[in-house]
Amino acid sequence: MDDQPRATTDRSSTLTPRAYLLFAVATLLGLAHHLDHVIRGNHVGWPITPDVNPFTYSLAIYPLVVLGFTLSLTGRAGARYWTVVMTLGAGMLVFFHLSPWAVEPPTDVVLPYATPAFGYLAFGILLALIFVVAAGALYSFRLWGRELA
């Protein structure tokens, strides 16, 4: 996979195939994590239940991702957009899942499953999501620096 920016002069010129891959993998892991919420049945909100909670607000990431891909592929957004989205995403994931103030700490991910292996798999998906989103934030920040240079 070529890691060199495209030779165009638009704002997406520094986005590489690796960047798009990171954003896509983060999106797929995010979908898997949201599906995990539904399967284990805790910390679920609207549109699955009538409650509006952090789960509900976290679904806003998907329109932002669709918008980001659309704008990036049409040359109207680049690494700056993804740096902001991925940094906010990583921060929220860590805050809500791993911080001392976590709304959904690791035990809330692992323990609802009758089979511990499924709980640990769900937690592994969450950790992979956090890692990939953080990597995407750092990588897009690096690409943003190339745009400014």
Protein backbone atom coordinates (compact mmCIF):
# COMPACT_ATOMS: atom_id res chain seq x y z
CA MET A 1 0.00 0.00 0.00
CA ASP A 2 1.44 3.35 -1.04
CA ASP A 3 1.85 5.70 1.91
CA GLN A 4 2.63 8.77 -0.17
CA PRO A 5 0.11 11.59 -0.41
CA ARG A 6 -1.71 12.09 -3.67
CA ALA A 7 -0.07 14.70 -5.86
CA THR A 8 -3.10 16.99 -6.01
CA THR A 9 -3.30 20.41 -4.43
CA ASP A 10 -6.64 19.98 -2.65
CA ARG A 11 -7.01 19.66 1.11
CA SER A 12 -7.18 15.88 0.89
CA SER A 13 -3.76 15.73 -0.73
CA THR A 14 -2.09 14.44 2.42
CA LEU A 15 -4.61 11.67 3.10
CA THR A 16 -3.03 8.35 2.28
CA PRO A 17 -4.53 4.91 1.74
CA ARG A 18 -3.25 4.06 5.22
CA ALA A 19 -5.29 6.95 6.66
CA TYR A 20 -8.46 5.78 4.92
CA LEU A 21 -7.78 2.23 6.16
CA LEU A 22 -7.41 3.45 9.76
CA PHE A 23 -10.65 5.43 9.51
CA ALA A 24 -12.50 2.46 8.00
CA VAL A 25 -11.20 -0.04 10.58
CA ALA A 26 -12.12 2.37 13.39
CA THR A 27 -15.63 2.63 11.95
CA LEU A 28 -16.03 -1.15 11.73
CA LEU A 29 -14.76 -1.61 15.29
CA GLY A 30 -17.14 1.14 16.42
CA LEU A 31 -20.04 -0.68 14.81
CA ALA A 32 -18.94 -3.91 16.51
CA HIS A 33 -18.78 -2.13 19.87
CA HIS A 34 -22.24 -0.61 19.44
CA LEU A 35 -23.58 -4.03 18.44
CA ASP A 36 -21.96 -5.42 21.60
CA HIS A 37 -23.93 -2.89 23.65
CA VAL A 38 -27.14 -4.20 22.13
CA ILE A 39 -26.20 -7.87 22.59
CA ARG A 40 -25.25 -7.54 26.25
CA GLY A 41 -28.16 -5.18 26.90
CA ASN A 42 -26.52 -2.65 29.18
CA HIS A 43 -25.71 1.00 28.59
CA VAL A 44 -28.08 0.99 25.63
CA GLY A 45 -30.15 4.00 24.71
CA TRP A 46 -32.24 5.42 21.94
CA PRO A 47 -32.98 4.19 19.27
CA ILE A 48 -32.94 0.74 20.93
CA THR A 49 -34.63 1.92 24.13
CA PRO A 50 -36.56 5.11 24.87
CA ASP A 51 -33.73 6.45 27.06
CA VAL A 52 -31.36 9.09 25.75
CA ASN A 53 -27.91 8.47 27.22
CA PRO A 54 -24.20 8.40 26.21
CA PHE A 55 -24.93 5.48 23.85
CA THR A 56 -27.38 7.69 21.97
CA TYR A 57 -24.93 10.58 21.70
CA SER A 58 -22.12 8.26 20.64
CA LEU A 59 -24.10 7.33 17.52
CA ALA A 60 -23.35 10.82 16.22
CA ILE A 61 -19.96 9.49 15.16
CA TYR A 62 -21.47 7.73 12.14
CA PRO A 63 -22.82 10.86 10.40
CA LEU A 64 -19.45 12.51 11.14
CA VAL A 65 -17.63 9.58 9.54
CA VAL A 66 -19.89 9.56 6.47
CA LEU A 67 -19.45 13.33 6.16
CA GLY A 68 -15.69 12.96 6.58
CA PHE A 69 -15.36 10.30 3.89
CA THR A 70 -17.61 12.28 1.55
CA LEU A 71 -15.74 15.56 2.06
CA SER A 72 -12.32 13.91 1.95
CA LEU A 73 -12.98 11.94 -1.21
CA THR A 74 -14.30 15.07 -2.93
CA GLY A 75 -11.33 17.17 -1.83
CA ARG A 76 -13.21 19.43 0.58
CA ALA A 77 -11.71 18.12 3.84
CA GLY A 78 -8.49 16.53 4.84
CA ALA A 79 -6.33 15.57 7.75
CA ARG A 80 -7.48 18.48 9.94
CA TYR A 81 -11.07 17.20 9.90
CA TRP A 82 -9.98 13.66 10.77
CA THR A 83 -7.58 14.86 13.46
CA VAL A 84 -10.45 16.61 15.24
CA VAL A 85 -12.93 13.74 14.84
CA MET A 86 -10.47 11.00 15.81
CA THR A 87 -9.03 12.94 18.75
CA LEU A 88 -12.48 13.66 20.16
CA GLY A 89 -13.46 10.03 19.55
CA ALA A 90 -10.39 8.67 21.33
CA GLY A 91 -10.88 11.05 24.23
CA MET A 92 -14.52 10.11 24.65
CA LEU A 93 -13.79 6.38 24.44
CA VAL A 94 -11.11 6.59 27.10
CA PHE A 95 -13.23 8.85 29.33
CA PHE A 96 -16.38 6.71 29.15
CA HIS A 97 -14.64 3.32 29.38
CA LEU A 98 -11.26 3.54 31.09
CA SER A 99 -11.07 6.70 33.17
CA PRO A 100 -11.77 6.90 36.91
CA TRP A 101 -15.08 8.56 35.93
CA ALA A 102 -16.04 5.83 33.45
CA VAL A 103 -19.75 5.49 32.82
CA GLU A 104 -19.14 2.04 31.38
CA PRO A 105 -16.04 0.55 33.03
CA PRO A 106 -14.46 -2.69 31.80
CA THR A 107 -16.52 -4.80 34.23
CA ASP A 108 -19.70 -3.52 32.57
CA VAL A 109 -18.40 -4.84 29.26
CA VAL A 110 -17.11 -8.21 30.48
CA LEU A 111 -19.46 -9.37 33.24
CA PRO A 112 -22.87 -9.32 31.48
CA TYR A 113 -21.83 -12.31 29.37
CA ALA A 114 -22.56 -15.79 30.75
CA THR A 115 -19.47 -17.07 28.97
CA PRO A 116 -16.37 -15.13 30.10
CA ALA A 117 -14.69 -15.62 26.72
CA PHE A 118 -17.42 -13.54 25.06
CA GLY A 119 -16.99 -10.80 27.64
CA TYR A 120 -13.26 -10.69 27.12
CA LEU A 121 -13.77 -10.69 23.35
CA ALA A 122 -16.09 -7.68 23.72
CA PHE A 123 -13.49 -5.94 25.89
CA GLY A 124 -10.79 -6.80 23.34
CA ILE A 125 -12.89 -5.17 20.61
CA LEU A 126 -13.23 -2.09 22.80
CA LEU A 127 -9.46 -1.93 23.40
CA ALA A 128 -8.80 -2.42 19.68
CA LEU A 129 -11.27 0.38 18.93
CA ILE A 130 -9.52 2.74 21.35
CA PHE A 131 -6.11 1.81 19.92
CA VAL A 132 -7.15 2.27 16.28
CA VAL A 133 -8.96 5.57 16.93
CA ALA A 134 -5.95 6.90 18.86
CA ALA A 135 -3.62 5.73 16.08
CA GLY A 136 -5.89 7.41 13.54
CA ALA A 137 -5.79 10.64 15.54
CA LEU A 138 -2.00 10.60 15.73
CA TYR A 139 -1.57 9.64 12.08
CA SER A 140 -4.01 12.27 10.82
CA PHE A 141 -2.27 14.85 13.04
CA ARG A 142 1.01 13.92 11.36
CA LEU A 143 -0.62 14.28 7.94
CA TRP A 144 -2.09 17.63 8.97
CA GLY A 145 1.45 18.76 9.74
CA ARG A 146 2.40 17.83 6.17
CA GLU A 147 -0.48 19.96 4.90
CA LEU A 148 0.84 22.93 6.86
CA ALA A 149 4.44 22.46 5.74
